[in-house]
Amino acid sequence: LLMYEELQVLSPLVPARQLYFLRFCQQIDPVSWAIVDVSYDIT
């Protein structure tokens, strides 16, 4: 997936962080999954 999100600290003193990123999900074995996020700039 290509995604966008804003991350916050719950205070008006800390601005939100903006991210465009790729999210990739992979099943490693029958009982294990890995999900990775990595930045992908489109602006």
Full PDB file with SEQRES, HELIX, SHEET, SSBOND, CRYST1, ORIGX, SCALE, CONECT and MASTER records, all heavy atoms in Angstrom:
SEQRES   1 A   43  LEU LEU MET TYR GLU GLU LEU GLN VAL LEU SER PRO LEU          
SEQRES   2 A   43  VAL PRO ALA ARG GLN LEU TYR PHE LEU ARG PHE CYS GLN          
SEQRES   3 A   43  GLN ILE ASP PRO VAL SER TRP ALA ILE VAL ASP VAL SER          
SEQRES   4 A   43  TYR ASP ILE THR                                              
SHEET    1 AA1 3 LEU A   2  LEU A   7  0                                        
SHEET    2 AA1 3 ARG A  17  ASP A  29 -1                                        
SHEET    3 AA1 3 SER A  32  SER A  39 -1                                        
CRYST1    1.000    1.000    1.000  90.00  90.00  90.00 P 1           1          
ORIGX1      1.000000  0.000000  0.000000        0.00000                         
ORIGX2      0.000000  1.000000  0.000000        0.00000                         
ORIGX3      0.000000  0.000000  1.000000        0.00000                         
SCALE1      1.000000  0.000000  0.000000        0.00000                         
SCALE2      0.000000  1.000000  0.000000        0.00000                         
SCALE3      0.000000  0.000000  1.000000        0.00000                         
ATOM      1  N   LEU A   1       0.839  -1.193   0.000  1.00  0.00           N  
ATOM      2  CA  LEU A   1       0.000   0.000   0.000  1.00  0.00           C  
ATOM      3  C   LEU A   1       0.875   1.245   0.000  1.00  0.00           C  
ATOM      4  O   LEU A   1       1.947   1.270   0.612  1.00  0.00           O  
ATOM      5  CB  LEU A   1      -0.902   0.037   1.243  1.00  0.00           C  
ATOM      6  CG  LEU A   1      -1.736  -1.203   1.559  1.00  0.00           C  
ATOM      7  CD1 LEU A   1      -2.469  -1.005   2.882  1.00  0.00           C  
ATOM      8  CD2 LEU A   1      -2.723  -1.496   0.435  1.00  0.00           C  
ATOM      9  N   LEU A   2       0.396   2.287  -0.675  1.00  0.00           N  
ATOM     10  CA  LEU A   2       0.978   3.617  -0.567  1.00  0.00           C  
ATOM     11  C   LEU A   2       0.064   4.417   0.349  1.00  0.00           C  
ATOM     12  O   LEU A   2      -1.132   4.561   0.065  1.00  0.00           O  
ATOM     13  CB  LEU A   2       1.095   4.285  -1.936  1.00  0.00           C  
ATOM     14  CG  LEU A   2       1.607   5.736  -1.930  1.00  0.00           C  
ATOM     15  CD1 LEU A   2       3.017   5.803  -1.353  1.00  0.00           C  
ATOM     16  CD2 LEU A   2       1.576   6.321  -3.344  1.00  0.00           C  
ATOM     17  N   MET A   3       0.610   4.939   1.472  1.00  0.00           N  
ATOM     18  CA  MET A   3      -0.224   5.534   2.503  1.00  0.00           C  
ATOM     19  C   MET A   3       0.278   6.923   2.891  1.00  0.00           C  
ATOM     20  O   MET A   3       1.405   7.322   2.564  1.00  0.00           O  
ATOM     21  CB  MET A   3      -0.261   4.638   3.752  1.00  0.00           C  
ATOM     22  CG  MET A   3      -0.813   3.246   3.510  1.00  0.00           C  
ATOM     23  SD  MET A   3      -0.878   2.244   5.018  1.00  0.00           S  
ATOM     24  CE  MET A   3      -2.140   3.117   5.965  1.00  0.00           C  
ATOM     25  N   TYR A   4      -0.609   7.648   3.593  1.00  0.00           N  
ATOM     26  CA  TYR A   4      -0.272   8.928   4.189  1.00  0.00           C  
ATOM     27  C   TYR A   4      -0.761   8.908   5.631  1.00  0.00           C  
ATOM     28  O   TYR A   4      -1.817   8.349   5.935  1.00  0.00           O  
ATOM     29  CB  TYR A   4      -0.958  10.082   3.444  1.00  0.00           C  
ATOM     30  CG  TYR A   4      -0.824  11.419   4.148  1.00  0.00           C  
ATOM     31  CD1 TYR A   4       0.296  12.215   3.943  1.00  0.00           C  
ATOM     32  CD2 TYR A   4      -1.806  11.872   5.025  1.00  0.00           C  
ATOM     33  CE1 TYR A   4       0.437  13.427   4.590  1.00  0.00           C  
ATOM     34  CE2 TYR A   4      -1.679  13.089   5.672  1.00  0.00           C  
ATOM     35  CZ  TYR A   4      -0.558  13.866   5.449  1.00  0.00           C  
ATOM     36  OH  TYR A   4      -0.428  15.068   6.095  1.00  0.00           O  
ATOM     37  N   GLU A   5       0.024   9.503   6.535  1.00  0.00           N  
ATOM     38  CA  GLU A   5      -0.420   9.598   7.915  1.00  0.00           C  
ATOM     39  C   GLU A   5       0.210  10.807   8.592  1.00  0.00           C  
ATOM     40  O   GLU A   5       1.226  11.351   8.120  1.00  0.00           O  
ATOM     41  CB  GLU A   5      -0.084   8.326   8.699  1.00  0.00           C  
ATOM     42  CG  GLU A   5       1.380   8.123   8.992  1.00  0.00           C  
ATOM     43  CD  GLU A   5       1.645   6.870   9.825  1.00  0.00           C  
ATOM     44  OE1 GLU A   5       0.683   6.187  10.196  1.00  0.00           O  
ATOM     45  OE2 GLU A   5       2.831   6.589  10.094  1.00  0.00           O  
ATOM     46  N   GLU A   6      -0.431  11.237   9.665  1.00  0.00           N  
ATOM     47  CA  GLU A   6       0.117  12.272  10.528  1.00  0.00           C  
ATOM     48  C   GLU A   6       0.202  11.704  11.942  1.00  0.00           C  
ATOM     49  O   GLU A   6      -0.775  11.146  12.452  1.00  0.00           O  
ATOM     50  CB  GLU A   6      -0.755  13.533  10.501  1.00  0.00           C  
ATOM     51  CG  GLU A   6      -0.712  14.250   9.165  1.00  0.00           C  
ATOM     52  CD  GLU A   6      -1.490  15.561   9.171  1.00  0.00           C  
ATOM     53  OE1 GLU A   6      -1.833  16.041  10.285  1.00  0.00           O  
ATOM     54  OE2 GLU A   6      -1.768  16.097   8.097  1.00  0.00           O  
ATOM     55  N   LEU A   7       1.377  11.853  12.548  1.00  0.00           N  
ATOM     56  CA  LEU A   7       1.631  11.333  13.890  1.00  0.00           C  
ATOM     57  C   LEU A   7       1.720  12.493  14.868  1.00  0.00           C  
ATOM     58  O   LEU A   7       2.302  13.535  14.551  1.00  0.00           O  
ATOM     59  CB  LEU A   7       2.929  10.523  13.913  1.00  0.00           C  
ATOM     60  CG  LEU A   7       3.044   9.415  12.864  1.00  0.00           C  
ATOM     61  CD1 LEU A   7       4.385   8.700  12.979  1.00  0.00           C  
ATOM     62  CD2 LEU A   7       1.908   8.423  12.993  1.00  0.00           C  
ATOM     63  N   GLN A   8       1.162  12.295  16.053  1.00  0.00           N  
ATOM     64  CA  GLN A   8       1.075  13.393  17.000  1.00  0.00           C  
ATOM     65  C   GLN A   8       1.562  13.001  18.388  1.00  0.00           C  
ATOM     66  O   GLN A   8       1.529  11.836  18.781  1.00  0.00           O  
ATOM     67  CB  GLN A   8      -0.375  13.877  17.117  1.00  0.00           C  
ATOM     68  CG  GLN A   8      -1.327  12.840  17.713  1.00  0.00           C  
ATOM     69  CD  GLN A   8      -2.724  13.370  17.907  1.00  0.00           C  
ATOM     70  OE1 GLN A   8      -2.961  14.568  17.876  1.00  0.00           O  
ATOM     71  NE2 GLN A   8      -3.670  12.472  18.108  1.00  0.00           N  
ATOM     72  N   VAL A   9       2.019  13.999  19.111  1.00  0.00           N  
ATOM     73  CA  VAL A   9       2.152  13.957  20.559  1.00  0.00           C  
ATOM     74  C   VAL A   9       0.998  14.793  21.094  1.00  0.00           C  
ATOM     75  O   VAL A   9       0.680  15.848  20.558  1.00  0.00           O  
ATOM     76  CB  VAL A   9       3.508  14.533  21.008  1.00  0.00           C  
ATOM     77  CG1 VAL A   9       3.546  14.723  22.519  1.00  0.00           C  
ATOM     78  CG2 VAL A   9       4.642  13.615  20.574  1.00  0.00           C  
ATOM     79  N   LEU A  10       0.352  14.323  22.142  1.00  0.00           N  
ATOM     80  CA  LEU A  10      -0.884  14.958  22.591  1.00  0.00           C  
ATOM     81  C   LEU A  10      -0.602  16.256  23.342  1.00  0.00           C  
ATOM     82  O   LEU A  10      -0.786  16.367  24.557  1.00  0.00           O  
ATOM     83  CB  LEU A  10      -1.682  13.981  23.459  1.00  0.00           C  
ATOM     84  CG  LEU A  10      -2.233  12.771  22.708  1.00  0.00           C  
ATOM     85  CD1 LEU A  10      -2.923  11.807  23.657  1.00  0.00           C  
ATOM     86  CD2 LEU A  10      -3.194  13.211  21.605  1.00  0.00           C  
ATOM     87  N   SER A  11      -0.150  17.247  22.583  1.00  0.00           N  
ATOM     88  CA  SER A  11       0.077  18.585  23.101  1.00  0.00           C  
ATOM     89  C   SER A  11       0.121  19.546  21.918  1.00  0.00           C  
ATOM     90  O   SER A  11       0.686  19.212  20.861  1.00  0.00           O  
ATOM     91  CB  SER A  11       1.391  18.671  23.880  1.00  0.00           C  
ATOM     92  OG  SER A  11       1.699  20.018  24.198  1.00  0.00           O  
ATOM     93  N   PRO A  12      -0.452  20.754  22.063  1.00  0.00           N  
ATOM     94  CA  PRO A  12      -0.364  21.730  20.964  1.00  0.00           C  
ATOM     95  C   PRO A  12       1.039  22.273  20.775  1.00  0.00           C  
ATOM     96  O   PRO A  12       1.301  22.970  19.788  1.00  0.00           O  
ATOM     97  CB  PRO A  12      -1.333  22.835  21.417  1.00  0.00           C  
ATOM     98  CG  PRO A  12      -1.387  22.724  22.900  1.00  0.00           C  
ATOM     99  CD  PRO A  12      -1.244  21.266  23.195  1.00  0.00           C  
ATOM    100  N   LEU A  13       1.960  21.978  21.695  1.00  0.00           N  
ATOM    101  CA  LEU A  13       3.328  22.478  21.589  1.00  0.00           C  
ATOM    102  C   LEU A  13       4.179  21.659  20.627  1.00  0.00           C  
ATOM    103  O   LEU A  13       5.274  22.086  20.257  1.00  0.00           O  
ATOM    104  CB  LEU A  13       3.997  22.479  22.972  1.00  0.00           C  
ATOM    105  CG  LEU A  13       3.307  23.304  24.066  1.00  0.00           C  
ATOM    106  CD1 LEU A  13       4.099  23.224  25.360  1.00  0.00           C  
ATOM    107  CD2 LEU A  13       3.118  24.751  23.629  1.00  0.00           C  
ATOM    108  N   VAL A  14       3.700  20.476  20.225  1.00  0.00           N  
ATOM    109  CA  VAL A  14       4.479  19.596  19.337  1.00  0.00           C  
ATOM    110  C   VAL A  14       3.726  19.437  18.027  1.00  0.00           C  
ATOM    111  O   VAL A  14       2.622  18.885  18.008  1.00  0.00           O  
ATOM    112  CB  VAL A  14       4.707  18.216  19.982  1.00  0.00           C  
ATOM    113  CG1 VAL A  14       5.552  17.336  19.067  1.00  0.00           C  
ATOM    114  CG2 VAL A  14       5.362  18.365  21.344  1.00  0.00           C  
ATOM    115  N   PRO A  15       4.263  19.929  16.907  1.00  0.00           N  
ATOM    116  CA  PRO A  15       3.559  19.794  15.624  1.00  0.00           C  
ATOM    117  C   PRO A  15       3.508  18.347  15.169  1.00  0.00           C  
ATOM    118  O   PRO A  15       4.367  17.527  15.514  1.00  0.00           O  
ATOM    119  CB  PRO A  15       4.400  20.651  14.675  1.00  0.00           C  
ATOM    120  CG  PRO A  15       5.763  20.677  15.295  1.00  0.00           C  
ATOM    121  CD  PRO A  15       5.552  20.630  16.780  1.00  0.00           C  
ATOM    122  N   ALA A  16       2.496  18.034  14.386  1.00  0.00           N  
ATOM    123  CA  ALA A  16       2.342  16.676  13.861  1.00  0.00           C  
ATOM    124  C   ALA A  16       3.417  16.387  12.815  1.00  0.00           C  
ATOM    125  O   ALA A  16       3.900  17.280  12.122  1.00  0.00           O  
ATOM    126  CB  ALA A  16       0.954  16.501  13.249  1.00  0.00           C  
ATOM    127  N   ARG A  17       3.775  15.120  12.700  1.00  0.00           N  
ATOM    128  CA  ARG A  17       4.723  14.673  11.684  1.00  0.00           C  
ATOM    129  C   ARG A  17       3.958  14.087  10.512  1.00  0.00           C  
ATOM    130  O   ARG A  17       3.100  13.227  10.699  1.00  0.00           O  
ATOM    131  CB  ARG A  17       5.675  13.624  12.254  1.00  0.00           C  
ATOM    132  CG  ARG A  17       6.616  14.159  13.317  1.00  0.00           C  
ATOM    133  CD  ARG A  17       7.588  13.091  13.802  1.00  0.00           C  
ATOM    134  NE  ARG A  17       8.600  13.655  14.687  1.00  0.00           N  
ATOM    135  CZ  ARG A  17       9.611  12.958  15.223  1.00  0.00           C  
ATOM    136  NH1 ARG A  17       9.720  11.655  14.938  1.00  0.00           N  
ATOM    137  NH2 ARG A  17      10.487  13.541  16.008  1.00  0.00           N  
ATOM    138  N   GLN A  18       4.288  14.548   9.317  1.00  0.00           N  
ATOM    139  CA  GLN A  18       3.599  14.107   8.106  1.00  0.00           C  
ATOM    140  C   GLN A  18       4.480  13.111   7.355  1.00  0.00           C  
ATOM    141  O   GLN A  18       5.677  13.333   7.195  1.00  0.00           O  
ATOM    142  CB  GLN A  18       3.272  15.302   7.213  1.00  0.00           C  
ATOM    143  CG  GLN A  18       2.404  16.348   7.896  1.00  0.00           C  
ATOM    144  CD  GLN A  18       2.213  17.586   7.042  1.00  0.00           C  
ATOM    145  OE1 GLN A  18       2.791  17.698   5.964  1.00  0.00           O  
ATOM    146  NE2 GLN A  18       1.413  18.526   7.511  1.00  0.00           N  
ATOM    147  N   LEU A  19       3.858  12.021   6.889  1.00  0.00           N  
ATOM    148  CA  LEU A  19       4.613  10.952   6.235  1.00  0.00           C  
ATOM    149  C   LEU A  19       3.858  10.400   5.041  1.00  0.00           C  
ATOM    150  O   LEU A  19       2.665  10.103   5.137  1.00  0.00           O  
ATOM    151  CB  LEU A  19       4.876   9.798   7.214  1.00  0.00           C  
ATOM    152  CG  LEU A  19       5.963   9.975   8.276  1.00  0.00           C  
ATOM    153  CD1 LEU A  19       5.851   8.868   9.310  1.00  0.00           C  
ATOM    154  CD2 LEU A  19       7.339   9.940   7.638  1.00  0.00           C  
ATOM    155  N   TYR A  20       4.531  10.270   3.905  1.00  0.00           N  
ATOM    156  CA  TYR A  20       4.084   9.430   2.797  1.00  0.00           C  
ATOM    157  C   TYR A  20       4.977   8.190   2.824  1.00  0.00           C  
ATOM    158  O   TYR A  20       6.206   8.306   2.858  1.00  0.00           O  
ATOM    159  CB  TYR A  20       4.231  10.150   1.454  1.00  0.00           C  
ATOM    160  CG  TYR A  20       3.330  11.343   1.299  1.00  0.00           C  
ATOM    161  CD1 TYR A  20       3.775  12.628   1.606  1.00  0.00           C  
ATOM    162  CD2 TYR A  20       2.031  11.187   0.824  1.00  0.00           C  
ATOM    163  CE1 TYR A  20       2.946  13.722   1.463  1.00  0.00           C  
ATOM    164  CE2 TYR A  20       1.196  12.280   0.677  1.00  0.00           C  
ATOM    165  CZ  TYR A  20       1.659  13.549   0.998  1.00  0.00           C  
ATOM    166  OH  TYR A  20       0.828  14.634   0.860  1.00  0.00           O  
ATOM    167  N   PHE A  21       4.381   7.014   2.800  1.00  0.00           N  
ATOM    168  CA  PHE A  21       5.198   5.819   2.970  1.00  0.00           C  
ATOM    169  C   PHE A  21       4.537   4.620   2.310  1.00  0.00           C  
ATOM    170  O   PHE A  21       3.334   4.617   2.022  1.00  0.00           O  
ATOM    171  CB  PHE A  21       5.437   5.530   4.457  1.00  0.00           C  
ATOM    172  CG  PHE A  21       4.194   5.233   5.243  1.00  0.00           C  
ATOM    173  CD1 PHE A  21       3.803   3.929   5.503  1.00  0.00           C  
ATOM    174  CD2 PHE A  21       3.394   6.263   5.718  1.00  0.00           C  
ATOM    175  CE1 PHE A  21       2.649   3.654   6.221  1.00  0.00           C  
ATOM    176  CE2 PHE A  21       2.244   6.003   6.439  1.00  0.00           C  
ATOM    177  CZ  PHE A  21       1.870   4.697   6.692  1.00  0.00           C  
ATOM    178  N   LEU A  22       5.357   3.597   2.090  1.00  0.00           N  
ATOM    179  CA  LEU A  22       4.884   2.306   1.599  1.00  0.00           C  
ATOM    180  C   LEU A  22       4.733   1.370   2.787  1.00  0.00           C  
ATOM    181  O   LEU A  22       5.600   1.321   3.664  1.00  0.00           O  
ATOM    182  CB  LEU A  22       5.877   1.709   0.603  1.00  0.00           C  
ATOM    183  CG  LEU A  22       6.104   2.485  -0.700  1.00  0.00           C  
ATOM    184  CD1 LEU A  22       7.290   1.905  -1.455  1.00  0.00           C  
ATOM    185  CD2 LEU A  22       4.864   2.465  -1.567  1.00  0.00           C  
ATOM    186  N   ARG A  23       3.638   0.631   2.805  1.00  0.00           N  
ATOM    187  CA  ARG A  23       3.421  -0.396   3.829  1.00  0.00           C  
ATOM    188  C   ARG A  23       3.304  -1.749   3.130  1.00  0.00           C  
ATOM    189  O   ARG A  23       2.442  -1.944   2.275  1.00  0.00           O  
ATOM    190  CB  ARG A  23       2.176  -0.108   4.663  1.00  0.00           C  
ATOM    191  CG  ARG A  23       1.816  -1.240   5.630  1.00  0.00           C  
ATOM    192  CD  ARG A  23       0.850  -0.784   6.703  1.00  0.00           C  
ATOM    193  NE  ARG A  23       1.491   0.180   7.594  1.00  0.00           N  
ATOM    194  CZ  ARG A  23       0.886   0.797   8.596  1.00  0.00           C  
ATOM    195  NH1 ARG A  23      -0.400   0.547   8.832  1.00  0.00           N  
ATOM    196  NH2 ARG A  23       1.529   1.645   9.350  1.00  0.00           N  
ATOM    197  N   PHE A  24       4.189  -2.660   3.500  1.00  0.00           N  
ATOM    198  CA  PHE A  24       4.272  -3.959   2.848  1.00  0.00           C  
ATOM    199  C   PHE A  24       4.102  -5.046   3.904  1.00  0.00           C  
ATOM    200  O   PHE A  24       4.761  -5.030   4.942  1.00  0.00           O  
ATOM    201  CB  PHE A  24       5.624  -4.099   2.142  1.00  0.00           C  
ATOM    202  CG  PHE A  24       5.845  -5.410   1.438  1.00  0.00           C  
ATOM    203  CD1 PHE A  24       4.817  -6.032   0.737  1.00  0.00           C  
ATOM    204  CD2 PHE A  24       7.089  -6.016   1.446  1.00  0.00           C  
ATOM    205  CE1 PHE A  24       5.023  -7.232   0.084  1.00  0.00           C  
ATOM    206  CE2 PHE A  24       7.317  -7.212   0.792  1.00  0.00           C  
ATOM    207  CZ  PHE A  24       6.274  -7.817   0.106  1.00  0.00           C  
ATOM    208  N   CYS A  25       3.211  -5.984   3.646  1.00  0.00           N  
ATOM    209  CA  CYS A  25       2.926  -7.083   4.576  1.00  0.00           C  
ATOM    210  C   CYS A  25       3.392  -8.399   3.957  1.00  0.00           C  
ATOM    211  O   CYS A  25       3.150  -8.645   2.770  1.00  0.00           O  
ATOM    212  CB  CYS A  25       1.428  -7.138   4.887  1.00  0.00           C  
ATOM    213  SG  CYS A  25       0.924  -8.581   5.858  1.00  0.00           S  
ATOM    214  N   GLN A  26       4.039  -9.216   4.748  1.00  0.00           N  
ATOM    215  CA  GLN A  26       4.526 -10.504   4.257  1.00  0.00           C  
ATOM    216  C   GLN A  26       4.384 -11.567   5.337  1.00  0.00           C  
ATOM    217  O   GLN A  26       4.741 -11.337   6.496  1.00  0.00           O  
ATOM    218  CB  GLN A  26       6.002 -10.398   3.861  1.00  0.00           C  
ATOM    219  CG  GLN A  26       6.566 -11.672   3.242  1.00  0.00           C  
ATOM    220  CD  GLN A  26       5.893 -12.016   1.933  1.00  0.00           C  
ATOM    221  OE1 GLN A  26       5.862 -11.190   1.029  1.00  0.00           O  
ATOM    222  NE2 GLN A  26       5.358 -13.201   1.830  1.00  0.00           N  
ATOM    223  N   GLN A  27       3.811 -12.705   4.971  1.00  0.00           N  
ATOM    224  CA  GLN A  27       3.771 -13.841   5.891  1.00  0.00           C  
ATOM    225  C   GLN A  27       5.097 -14.577   5.806  1.00  0.00           C  
ATOM    226  O   GLN A  27       5.498 -15.052   4.745  1.00  0.00           O  
ATOM    227  CB  GLN A  27       2.614 -14.775   5.570  1.00  0.00           C  
ATOM    228  CG  GLN A  27       2.428 -15.879   6.589  1.00  0.00           C  
ATOM    229  CD  GLN A  27       1.153 -16.675   6.402  1.00  0.00           C  
ATOM    230  OE1 GLN A  27       0.472 -16.513   5.397  1.00  0.00           O  
ATOM    231  NE2 GLN A  27       0.822 -17.523   7.361  1.00  0.00           N  
ATOM    232  N   ILE A  28       5.779 -14.685   6.946  1.00  0.00           N  
ATOM    233  CA  ILE A  28       7.110 -15.284   6.975  1.00  0.00           C  
ATOM    234  C   ILE A  28       7.025 -16.795   7.076  1.00  0.00           C  
ATOM    235  O   ILE A  28       7.748 -17.527   6.406  1.00  0.00           O  
ATOM    236  CB  ILE A  28       7.930 -14.712   8.144  1.00  0.00           C  
ATOM    237  CG1 ILE A  28       7.965 -13.176   8.060  1.00  0.00           C  
ATOM    238  CG2 ILE A  28       9.335 -15.277   8.145  1.00  0.00           C  
ATOM    239  CD1 ILE A  28       8.519 -12.640   6.774  1.00  0.00           C  
ATOM    240  N   ASP A  29       6.148 -17.278   7.942  1.00  0.00           N  
ATOM    241  CA  ASP A  29       5.902 -18.707   8.081  1.00  0.00           C  
ATOM    242  C   ASP A  29       4.466 -18.862   8.574  1.00  0.00           C  
ATOM    243  O   ASP A  29       3.760 -17.863   8.728  1.00  0.00           O  
ATOM    244  CB  ASP A  29       6.926 -19.362   9.022  1.00  0.00           C  
ATOM    245  CG  ASP A  29       6.952 -18.733  10.409  1.00  0.00           C  
ATOM    246  OD1 ASP A  29       5.865 -18.444  10.956  1.00  0.00           O  
ATOM    247  OD2 ASP A  29       8.048 -18.535  10.952  1.00  0.00           O  
ATOM    248  N   PRO A  30       3.981 -20.079   8.789  1.00  0.00           N  
ATOM    249  CA  PRO A  30       2.558 -20.230   9.140  1.00  0.00           C  
ATOM    250  C   PRO A  30       2.111 -19.450  10.360  1.00  0.00           C  
ATOM    251  O   PRO A  30       0.922 -19.188  10.529  1.00  0.00           O  
ATOM    252  CB  PRO A  30       2.419 -21.749   9.359  1.00  0.00           C  
ATOM    253  CG  PRO A  30       3.478 -22.348   8.498  1.00  0.00           C  
ATOM    254  CD  PRO A  30       4.621 -21.396   8.554  1.00  0.00           C  
ATOM    255  N   VAL A  31       3.029 -19.071  11.255  1.00  0.00           N  
ATOM    256  CA  VAL A  31       2.604 -18.374  12.483  1.00  0.00           C  
ATOM    257  C   VAL A  31       3.261 -17.007  12.642  1.00  0.00           C  
ATOM    258  O   VAL A  31       3.154 -16.398  13.703  1.00  0.00           O  
ATOM    259  CB  VAL A  31       2.908 -19.239  13.730  1.00  0.00           C  
ATOM    260  CG1 VAL A  31       2.092 -20.523  13.704  1.00  0.00           C  
ATOM    261  CG2 VAL A  31       4.399 -19.550  13.837  1.00  0.00           C  
ATOM    262  N   SER A  32       3.918 -16.500  11.613  1.00  0.00           N  
ATOM    263  CA  SER A  32       4.642 -15.236  11.728  1.00  0.00           C  
ATOM    264  C   SER A  32       4.336 -14.325  10.549  1.00  0.00           C  
ATOM    265  O   SER A  32       4.286 -14.782   9.401  1.00  0.00           O  
ATOM    266  CB  SER A  32       6.157 -15.467  11.819  1.00  0.00           C  
ATOM    267  OG  SER A  32       6.478 -16.279  12.923  1.00  0.00           O  
ATOM    268  N   TRP A  33       4.163 -13.034  10.860  1.00  0.00           N  
ATOM    269  CA  TRP A  33       3.935 -12.002   9.850  1.00  0.00           C  
ATOM    270  C   TRP A  33       4.891 -10.848  10.100  1.00  0.00           C  
ATOM    271  O   TRP A  33       5.231 -10.563  11.249  1.00  0.00           O  
ATOM    272  CB  TRP A  33       2.500 -11.471   9.916  1.00  0.00           C  
ATOM    273  CG  TRP A  33       1.438 -12.489   9.668  1.00  0.00           C  
ATOM    274  CD1 TRP A  33       0.994 -13.456  10.521  1.00  0.00           C  
ATOM    275  CD2 TRP A  33       0.672 -12.643   8.472  1.00  0.00           C  
ATOM    276  NE1 TRP A  33      -0.004 -14.204   9.938  1.00  0.00           N  
ATOM    277  CE2 TRP A  33      -0.219 -13.722   8.675  1.00  0.00           C  
ATOM    278  CE3 TRP A  33       0.633 -11.970   7.255  1.00  0.00           C  
ATOM    279  CZ2 TRP A  33      -1.123 -14.136   7.710  1.00  0.00           C  
ATOM    280  CZ3 TRP A  33      -0.257 -12.377   6.289  1.00  0.00           C  
ATOM    281  CH2 TRP A  33      -1.120 -13.451   6.515  1.00  0.00           C  
ATOM    282  N   ALA A  34       5.282 -10.180   9.031  1.00  0.00           N  
ATOM    283  CA  ALA A  34       6.089  -8.961   9.147  1.00  0.00           C  
ATOM    284  C   ALA A  34       5.410  -7.853   8.354  1.00  0.00           C  
ATOM    285  O   ALA A  34       4.901  -8.083   7.255  1.00  0.00           O  
ATOM    286  CB  ALA A  34       7.511  -9.194   8.642  1.00  0.00           C  
ATOM    287  N   ILE A  35       5.381  -6.658   8.925  1.00  0.00           N  
ATOM    288  CA  ILE A  35       4.826  -5.488   8.259  1.00  0.00           C  
ATOM    289  C   ILE A  35       5.871  -4.385   8.325  1.00  0.00           C  
ATOM    290  O   ILE A  35       6.339  -4.035   9.413  1.00  0.00           O  
ATOM    291  CB  ILE A  35       3.517  -5.018   8.931  1.00  0.00           C  
ATOM    292  CG1 ILE A  35       2.451  -6.109   8.818  1.00  0.00           C  
ATOM    293  CG2 ILE A  35       3.020  -3.722   8.303  1.00  0.00           C  
ATOM    294  CD1 ILE A  35       1.151  -5.770   9.521  1.00  0.00           C  
ATOM    295  N   VAL A  36       6.249  -3.866   7.171  1.00  0.00           N  
ATOM    296  CA  VAL A  36       7.299  -2.850   7.106  1.00  0.00           C  
ATOM    297  C   VAL A  36       6.735  -1.563   6.518  1.00  0.00           C  
ATOM    298  O   VAL A  36       5.914  -1.590   5.598  1.00  0.00           O  
ATOM    299  CB  VAL A  36       8.501  -3.351   6.273  1.00  0.00           C  
ATOM    300  CG1 VAL A  36       8.122  -3.580   4.810  1.00  0.00           C  
ATOM    301  CG2 VAL A  36       9.672  -2.380   6.369  1.00  0.00           C  
ATOM    302  N   ASP A  37       7.164  -0.427   7.084  1.00  0.00           N  
ATOM    303  CA  ASP A  37       6.873   0.904   6.551  1.00  0.00           C  
ATOM    304  C   ASP A  37       8.189   1.533   6.123  1.00  0.00           C  
ATOM    305  O   ASP A  37       9.190   1.456   6.851  1.00  0.00           O  
ATOM    306  CB  ASP A  37       6.215   1.804   7.605  1.00  0.00           C  
ATOM    307  CG  ASP A  37       4.819   1.335   7.996  1.00  0.00           C  
ATOM    308  OD1 ASP A  37       4.258   0.502   7.267  1.00  0.00           O  
ATOM    309  OD2 ASP A  37       4.303   1.803   9.030  1.00  0.00           O  
ATOM    310  N   VAL A  38       8.184   2.183   4.965  1.00  0.00           N  
ATOM    311  CA  VAL A  38       9.379   2.886   4.498  1.00  0.00           C  
ATOM    312  C   VAL A  38       8.921   4.105   3.705  1.00  0.00           C  
ATOM    313  O   VAL A  38       7.961   4.041   2.937  1.00  0.00           O  
ATOM    314  CB  VAL A  38      10.271   1.958   3.635  1.00  0.00           C  
ATOM    315  CG1 VAL A  38       9.540   1.446   2.396  1.00  0.00           C  
ATOM    316  CG2 VAL A  38      11.574   2.650   3.253  1.00  0.00           C  
ATOM    317  N   SER A  39       9.584   5.232   3.913  1.00  0.00           N  
ATOM    318  CA  SER A  39       9.174   6.479   3.266  1.00  0.00           C  
ATOM    319  C   SER A  39       9.257   6.369   1.750  1.00  0.00           C  
ATOM    320  O   SER A  39      10.161   5.732   1.193  1.00  0.00           O  
ATOM    321  CB  SER A  39      10.059   7.634   3.748  1.00  0.00           C  
ATOM    322  OG  SER A  39       9.653   8.088   5.012  1.00  0.00           O  
ATOM    323  N   TYR A  40       8.280   7.012   1.115  1.00  0.00           N  
ATOM    324  CA  TYR A  40       8.274   7.106  -0.346  1.00  0.00           C  
ATOM    325  C   TYR A  40       7.744   8.497  -0.688  1.00  0.00           C  
ATOM    326  O   TYR A  40       6.557   8.771  -0.543  1.00  0.00           O  
ATOM    327  CB  TYR A  40       7.387   6.025  -0.971  1.00  0.00           C  
ATOM    328  CG  TYR A  40       7.485   5.963  -2.484  1.00  0.00           C  
ATOM    329  CD1 TYR A  40       8.529   5.279  -3.098  1.00  0.00           C  
ATOM    330  CD2 TYR A  40       6.544   6.601  -3.284  1.00  0.00           C  
ATOM    331  CE1 TYR A  40       8.629   5.216  -4.478  1.00  0.00           C  
ATOM    332  CE2 TYR A  40       6.637   6.542  -4.669  1.00  0.00           C  
ATOM    333  CZ  TYR A  40       7.681   5.855  -5.261  1.00  0.00           C  
ATOM    334  OH  TYR A  40       7.776   5.801  -6.623  1.00  0.00           O  
ATOM    335  N   ASP A  41       8.647   9.378  -1.087  1.00  0.00           N  
ATOM    336  CA  ASP A  41       8.269  10.769  -1.320  1.00  0.00           C  
ATOM    337  C   ASP A  41       7.568  10.911  -2.663  1.00  0.00           C  
ATOM    338  O   ASP A  41       8.086  10.491  -3.703  1.00  0.00           O  
ATOM    339  CB  ASP A  41       9.505  11.672  -1.291  1.00  0.00           C  
ATOM    340  CG  ASP A  41      10.157  11.691   0.084  1.00  0.00           C  
ATOM    341  OD1 ASP A  41       9.430  11.410   1.049  1.00  0.00           O  
ATOM    342  OD2 ASP A  41      11.359  11.982   0.177  1.00  0.00           O  
ATOM    343  N   ILE A  42       6.376  11.525  -2.629  1.00  0.00           N  
ATOM    344  CA  ILE A  42       5.634  11.791  -3.862  1.00  0.00           C  
ATOM    345  C   ILE A  42       5.353  13.273  -4.004  1.00  0.00           C  
ATOM    346  O   ILE A  42       4.581  13.687  -4.851  1.00  0.00           O  
ATOM    347  CB  ILE A  42       4.302  11.009  -3.886  1.00  0.00           C  
ATOM    348  CG1 ILE A  42       3.423  11.411  -2.698  1.00  0.00           C  
ATOM    349  CG2 ILE A  42       4.544   9.516  -3.897  1.00  0.00           C  
ATOM    350  CD1 ILE A  42       2.055  10.774  -2.728  1.00  0.00           C  
ATOM    351  N   THR A  43       5.979  14.088  -3.151  1.00  0.00           N  
ATOM    352  CA  THR A  43       5.775  15.536  -3.214  1.00  0.00           C  
ATOM    353  C   THR A  43       7.100  16.228  -3.476  1.00  0.00           C  
ATOM    354  O   THR A  43       8.175  15.654  -3.307  1.00  0.00           O  
ATOM    355  CB  THR A  43       5.194  16.058  -1.897  1.00  0.00           C  
ATOM    356  OG1 THR A  43       6.127  15.801  -0.849  1.00  0.00           O  
ATOM    357  CG2 THR A  43       3.869  15.388  -1.574  1.00  0.00           C  
TER     358      THR A  43                                                      
MASTER        0    0    0    0    3    0    0    6  357    1    0    4          
END                                                                             
